[in-house]
Amino acid sequence: MAFAGLGTTAAVGATRTAAHRTTAHRKAVAFYSHEVRKLRAETWYWQRVMGVRRSHVHSRSLSSVSLARLRHLVAVWNRLEKRAHRHARHPPNFGAWMCIHHYEGAWNDRGGPYYGGLQMSISFQRDYAGWLLRRKGTADHWTPLEQIWAAVRAARSRGFYPWPNTARYCGLI
């Protein structure tokens, strides 16, 4: 009779182990899903700053993806985020923008009607980085990279002509 309880104890132990595995699996899925969402958002943020198309990695809903696929997606989005951020740190004509900035205001210059280190008007900000204007306010609240990338978008269509004097001082026009 002493052995009668052993089967029940073993079954309870197995149930606890299975429940622990299920809980651990759920936590891992939640962690990796959060990482994918975070890395994807950071990637898309930098791509939006630069004015380039967003990357897409095709996958089903994250809640229905296997743990192995989630780990893979974290690695993929991590590479994409690093690439986008590295590219964002090296805008075209960086030296030219720094020269223009040298003759313009401080990056946090609040003195309207022109704002930031490249002295952007409200209409300029609205035209070339409206989403940043809505999200952060005027250019004096933007990072220098965000200001430069707004200027890069303007320069794609208008050249350096929004900065006629300073572009001339810098030998750009």
C-alpha atoms as a PDB file:
ATOM      1  CA  MET A   1       0.000   0.000   0.000  1.00  0.00           C
ATOM      2  CA  ALA A   2       2.954   2.306   0.495  1.00  0.00           C
ATOM      3  CA  PHE A   3       3.504   2.476  -3.265  1.00  0.00           C
ATOM      4  CA  ALA A   4      -0.074   3.501  -4.074  1.00  0.00           C
ATOM      5  CA  GLY A   5       0.623   7.257  -3.730  1.00  0.00           C
ATOM      6  CA  LEU A   6       3.712   7.211  -5.963  1.00  0.00           C
ATOM      7  CA  GLY A   7       1.759   7.248  -9.213  1.00  0.00           C
ATOM      8  CA  THR A   8      -0.236  10.285  -8.101  1.00  0.00           C
ATOM      9  CA  THR A   9       2.893  12.158  -6.984  1.00  0.00           C
ATOM     10  CA  ALA A  10       4.647  11.458 -10.275  1.00  0.00           C
ATOM     11  CA  ALA A  11       1.576  12.616 -12.236  1.00  0.00           C
ATOM     12  CA  VAL A  12       1.414  15.859 -10.225  1.00  0.00           C
ATOM     13  CA  GLY A  13       5.143  16.449 -10.836  1.00  0.00           C
ATOM     14  CA  ALA A  14       4.728  15.869 -14.559  1.00  0.00           C
ATOM     15  CA  THR A  15       1.747  18.237 -14.675  1.00  0.00           C
ATOM     16  CA  ARG A  16       3.755  20.931 -12.872  1.00  0.00           C
ATOM     17  CA  THR A  17       6.673  20.466 -15.292  1.00  0.00           C
ATOM     18  CA  ALA A  18       4.362  20.691 -18.308  1.00  0.00           C
ATOM     19  CA  ALA A  19       2.684  23.804 -16.866  1.00  0.00           C
ATOM     20  CA  HIS A  20       6.104  25.353 -16.234  1.00  0.00           C
ATOM     21  CA  ARG A  21       7.147  24.638 -19.824  1.00  0.00           C
ATOM     22  CA  THR A  22       3.930  26.173 -21.144  1.00  0.00           C
ATOM     23  CA  THR A  23       4.384  29.286 -18.983  1.00  0.00           C
ATOM     24  CA  ALA A  24       8.032  29.598 -20.006  1.00  0.00           C
ATOM     25  CA  HIS A  25       7.054  29.187 -23.663  1.00  0.00           C
ATOM     26  CA  ARG A  26       4.371  31.883 -23.368  1.00  0.00           C
ATOM     27  CA  LYS A  27       6.854  34.254 -21.724  1.00  0.00           C
ATOM     28  CA  ALA A  28       9.430  33.595 -24.443  1.00  0.00           C
ATOM     29  CA  VAL A  29       6.854  34.230 -27.165  1.00  0.00           C
ATOM     30  CA  ALA A  30       5.795  37.470 -25.444  1.00  0.00           C
ATOM     31  CA  PHE A  31       9.432  38.590 -25.094  1.00  0.00           C
ATOM     32  CA  TYR A  32      10.389  37.878 -28.707  1.00  0.00           C
ATOM     33  CA  SER A  33       7.143  39.376 -30.038  1.00  0.00           C
ATOM     34  CA  HIS A  34       7.886  42.560 -28.079  1.00  0.00           C
ATOM     35  CA  GLU A  35      11.444  42.643 -29.474  1.00  0.00           C
ATOM     36  CA  VAL A  36      10.197  42.239 -33.047  1.00  0.00           C
ATOM     37  CA  ARG A  37       7.686  45.077 -32.592  1.00  0.00           C
ATOM     38  CA  LYS A  38      10.299  47.340 -30.982  1.00  0.00           C
ATOM     39  CA  LEU A  39      12.960  46.703 -33.648  1.00  0.00           C
ATOM     40  CA  ARG A  40      10.407  47.080 -36.442  1.00  0.00           C
ATOM     41  CA  ALA A  41       9.236  50.426 -34.999  1.00  0.00           C
ATOM     42  CA  GLU A  42      12.825  51.697 -34.677  1.00  0.00           C
ATOM     43  CA  THR A  43      13.623  50.591 -38.229  1.00  0.00           C
ATOM     44  CA  TRP A  44      10.528  52.276 -39.615  1.00  0.00           C
ATOM     45  CA  TYR A  45      11.272  55.434 -37.617  1.00  0.00           C
ATOM     46  CA  TRP A  46      14.732  55.829 -39.177  1.00  0.00           C
ATOM     47  CA  GLN A  47      13.378  54.997 -42.617  1.00  0.00           C
ATOM     48  CA  ARG A  48      10.694  57.645 -42.194  1.00  0.00           C
ATOM     49  CA  VAL A  49      13.292  60.205 -41.076  1.00  0.00           C
ATOM     50  CA  MET A  50      15.269  59.488 -44.253  1.00  0.00           C
ATOM     51  CA  GLY A  51      12.189  59.499 -46.467  1.00  0.00           C
ATOM     52  CA  VAL A  52      12.709  55.979 -47.800  1.00  0.00           C
ATOM     53  CA  ARG A  53      10.264  53.086 -48.188  1.00  0.00           C
ATOM     54  CA  ARG A  54       9.602  50.980 -45.128  1.00  0.00           C
ATOM     55  CA  SER A  55      11.070  47.491 -44.954  1.00  0.00           C
ATOM     56  CA  HIS A  56       8.622  44.624 -44.767  1.00  0.00           C
ATOM     57  CA  VAL A  57       9.331  41.122 -43.572  1.00  0.00           C
ATOM     58  CA  HIS A  58       6.382  38.948 -44.457  1.00  0.00           C
ATOM     59  CA  SER A  59       5.049  36.906 -41.616  1.00  0.00           C
ATOM     60  CA  ARG A  60       1.755  35.905 -40.166  1.00  0.00           C
ATOM     61  CA  SER A  61       0.465  37.599 -37.042  1.00  0.00           C
ATOM     62  CA  LEU A  62       3.169  37.439 -34.368  1.00  0.00           C
ATOM     63  CA  SER A  63       0.790  35.600 -32.039  1.00  0.00           C
ATOM     64  CA  SER A  64       0.580  32.665 -34.465  1.00  0.00           C
ATOM     65  CA  VAL A  65       4.305  32.411 -35.237  1.00  0.00           C
ATOM     66  CA  SER A  66       6.509  29.698 -33.778  1.00  0.00           C
ATOM     67  CA  LEU A  67       9.184  30.532 -31.236  1.00  0.00           C
ATOM     68  CA  ALA A  68      11.924  29.629 -33.728  1.00  0.00           C
ATOM     69  CA  ARG A  69      10.394  31.976 -36.338  1.00  0.00           C
ATOM     70  CA  LEU A  70      10.152  34.752 -33.727  1.00  0.00           C
ATOM     71  CA  ARG A  71      13.851  34.364 -32.921  1.00  0.00           C
ATOM     72  CA  HIS A  72      14.601  34.552 -36.627  1.00  0.00           C
ATOM     73  CA  LEU A  73      12.438  37.680 -36.994  1.00  0.00           C
ATOM     74  CA  VAL A  74      14.300  39.348 -34.116  1.00  0.00           C
ATOM     75  CA  ALA A  75      17.597  38.702 -35.897  1.00  0.00           C
ATOM     76  CA  VAL A  76      16.225  39.994 -39.222  1.00  0.00           C
ATOM     77  CA  TRP A  77      14.724  43.179 -37.725  1.00  0.00           C
ATOM     78  CA  ASN A  78      17.862  43.754 -35.671  1.00  0.00           C
ATOM     79  CA  ARG A  79      19.949  43.751 -38.876  1.00  0.00           C
ATOM     80  CA  LEU A  80      17.449  46.023 -40.640  1.00  0.00           C
ATOM     81  CA  GLU A  81      17.391  48.485 -37.720  1.00  0.00           C
ATOM     82  CA  LYS A  82      21.181  48.636 -37.515  1.00  0.00           C
ATOM     83  CA  ARG A  83      21.417  49.213 -41.279  1.00  0.00           C
ATOM     84  CA  ALA A  84      18.747  51.942 -41.246  1.00  0.00           C
ATOM     85  CA  HIS A  85      20.312  53.712 -38.254  1.00  0.00           C
ATOM     86  CA  ARG A  86      23.809  53.496 -39.775  1.00  0.00           C
ATOM     87  CA  HIS A  87      22.482  54.961 -43.032  1.00  0.00           C
ATOM     88  CA  ALA A  88      20.606  57.719 -41.160  1.00  0.00           C
ATOM     89  CA  ARG A  89      23.828  58.772 -39.407  1.00  0.00           C
ATOM     90  CA  HIS A  90      25.424  59.481 -42.797  1.00  0.00           C
ATOM     91  CA  PRO A  91      23.097  61.790 -44.715  1.00  0.00           C
ATOM     92  CA  PRO A  92      24.105  62.938 -48.208  1.00  0.00           C
ATOM     93  CA  ASN A  93      26.176  66.131 -48.296  1.00  0.00           C
ATOM     94  CA  PHE A  94      26.743  66.030 -44.548  1.00  0.00           C
ATOM     95  CA  GLY A  95      29.680  68.463 -44.798  1.00  0.00           C
ATOM     96  CA  ALA A  96      27.536  70.917 -46.736  1.00  0.00           C
ATOM     97  CA  TRP A  97      24.806  70.764 -44.084  1.00  0.00           C
ATOM     98  CA  MET A  98      27.344  71.337 -41.338  1.00  0.00           C
ATOM     99  CA  CYS A  99      28.727  74.347 -43.229  1.00  0.00           C
ATOM    100  CA  ILE A 100      25.214  75.786 -43.612  1.00  0.00           C
ATOM    101  CA  HIS A 101      24.552  75.112 -39.923  1.00  0.00           C
ATOM    102  CA  HIS A 102      27.770  76.979 -39.041  1.00  0.00           C
ATOM    103  CA  TYR A 103      26.311  80.178 -40.520  1.00  0.00           C
ATOM    104  CA  GLU A 104      22.756  79.585 -39.296  1.00  0.00           C
ATOM    105  CA  GLY A 105      21.380  79.058 -35.760  1.00  0.00           C
ATOM    106  CA  ALA A 106      21.964  76.579 -32.962  1.00  0.00           C
ATOM    107  CA  TRP A 107      20.259  73.199 -33.341  1.00  0.00           C
ATOM    108  CA  ASN A 108      17.800  74.231 -30.622  1.00  0.00           C
ATOM    109  CA  ASP A 109      17.271  77.830 -31.856  1.00  0.00           C
ATOM    110  CA  ARG A 110      13.719  78.790 -30.911  1.00  0.00           C
ATOM    111  CA  GLY A 111      13.757  82.260 -32.477  1.00  0.00           C
ATOM    112  CA  GLY A 112      10.867  82.193 -34.914  1.00  0.00           C
ATOM    113  CA  PRO A 113      10.043  82.609 -37.704  1.00  0.00           C
ATOM    114  CA  TYR A 114      12.980  80.258 -38.390  1.00  0.00           C
ATOM    115  CA  TYR A 115      13.790  77.292 -36.163  1.00  0.00           C
ATOM    116  CA  GLY A 116      16.651  74.911 -35.534  1.00  0.00           C
ATOM    117  CA  GLY A 117      20.178  74.620 -36.797  1.00  0.00           C
ATOM    118  CA  LEU A 118      19.225  75.068 -40.438  1.00  0.00           C
ATOM    119  CA  GLN A 119      16.722  77.876 -39.796  1.00  0.00           C
ATOM    120  CA  MET A 120      13.584  76.244 -41.158  1.00  0.00           C
ATOM    121  CA  SER A 121      10.309  78.127 -41.454  1.00  0.00           C
ATOM    122  CA  ILE A 122       7.064  76.512 -40.339  1.00  0.00           C
ATOM    123  CA  SER A 123       5.954  75.981 -43.957  1.00  0.00           C
ATOM    124  CA  PHE A 124       9.326  74.346 -44.773  1.00  0.00           C
ATOM    125  CA  GLN A 125       8.944  72.030 -41.771  1.00  0.00           C
ATOM    126  CA  ARG A 126       5.382  71.188 -42.773  1.00  0.00           C
ATOM    127  CA  ASP A 127       6.386  70.461 -46.390  1.00  0.00           C
ATOM    128  CA  TYR A 128       9.472  68.328 -45.718  1.00  0.00           C
ATOM    129  CA  ALA A 129       8.865  66.808 -42.280  1.00  0.00           C
ATOM    130  CA  GLY A 130       5.222  67.400 -41.413  1.00  0.00           C
ATOM    131  CA  TRP A 131       5.028  64.235 -39.349  1.00  0.00           C
ATOM    132  CA  LEU A 132       7.941  65.474 -37.169  1.00  0.00           C
ATOM    133  CA  LEU A 133       6.308  68.876 -36.792  1.00  0.00           C
ATOM    134  CA  ARG A 134       3.113  67.172 -35.609  1.00  0.00           C
ATOM    135  CA  ARG A 135       4.959  64.703 -33.383  1.00  0.00           C
ATOM    136  CA  LYS A 136       7.653  66.883 -31.787  1.00  0.00           C
ATOM    137  CA  GLY A 137       6.756  70.484 -32.536  1.00  0.00           C
ATOM    138  CA  THR A 138       9.061  72.916 -34.322  1.00  0.00           C
ATOM    139  CA  ALA A 139      12.541  71.983 -35.573  1.00  0.00           C
ATOM    140  CA  ASP A 140      14.228  73.287 -32.421  1.00  0.00           C
ATOM    141  CA  HIS A 141      12.823  70.140 -30.726  1.00  0.00           C
ATOM    142  CA  TRP A 142      14.190  67.779 -33.380  1.00  0.00           C
ATOM    143  CA  THR A 143      17.557  66.069 -33.294  1.00  0.00           C
ATOM    144  CA  PRO A 144      20.234  67.433 -35.627  1.00  0.00           C
ATOM    145  CA  LEU A 145      19.854  64.302 -37.802  1.00  0.00           C
ATOM    146  CA  GLU A 146      16.114  64.852 -38.123  1.00  0.00           C
ATOM    147  CA  GLN A 147      16.733  68.466 -39.154  1.00  0.00           C
ATOM    148  CA  ILE A 148      19.381  67.480 -41.683  1.00  0.00           C
ATOM    149  CA  TRP A 149      17.197  64.774 -43.241  1.00  0.00           C
ATOM    150  CA  ALA A 150      14.326  67.272 -43.642  1.00  0.00           C
ATOM    151  CA  ALA A 151      16.814  69.512 -45.466  1.00  0.00           C
ATOM    152  CA  VAL A 152      18.002  66.574 -47.587  1.00  0.00           C
ATOM    153  CA  ARG A 153      14.410  65.970 -48.719  1.00  0.00           C
ATOM    154  CA  ALA A 154      14.120  69.655 -49.645  1.00  0.00           C
ATOM    155  CA  ALA A 155      17.446  69.600 -51.478  1.00  0.00           C
ATOM    156  CA  ARG A 156      16.287  66.676 -53.627  1.00  0.00           C
ATOM    157  CA  SER A 157      13.815  68.989 -55.331  1.00  0.00           C
ATOM    158  CA  ARG A 158      15.119  72.499 -54.614  1.00  0.00           C
ATOM    159  CA  GLY A 159      18.857  72.143 -54.166  1.00  0.00           C
ATOM    160  CA  PHE A 160      20.441  74.444 -51.598  1.00  0.00           C
ATOM    161  CA  TYR A 161      18.340  77.444 -52.661  1.00  0.00           C
ATOM    162  CA  PRO A 162      16.329  77.631 -49.401  1.00  0.00           C
ATOM    163  CA  TRP A 163      19.646  78.820 -47.856  1.00  0.00           C
ATOM    164  CA  PRO A 164      20.762  81.324 -50.515  1.00  0.00           C
ATOM    165  CA  ASN A 165      23.322  83.290 -48.514  1.00  0.00           C
ATOM    166  CA  THR A 166      24.837  80.516 -46.435  1.00  0.00           C
ATOM    167  CA  ALA A 167      24.920  78.107 -49.392  1.00  0.00           C
ATOM    168  CA  ARG A 168      26.852  80.786 -51.292  1.00  0.00           C
ATOM    169  CA  TYR A 169      29.273  81.211 -48.346  1.00  0.00           C
ATOM    170  CA  CYS A 170      29.785  77.447 -48.393  1.00  0.00           C
ATOM    171  CA  GLY A 171      30.331  77.363 -52.166  1.00  0.00           C
ATOM    172  CA  LEU A 172      27.196  75.297 -52.823  1.00  0.00           C
ATOM    173  CA  ILE A 173      25.433  77.629 -55.286  1.00  0.00           C
END
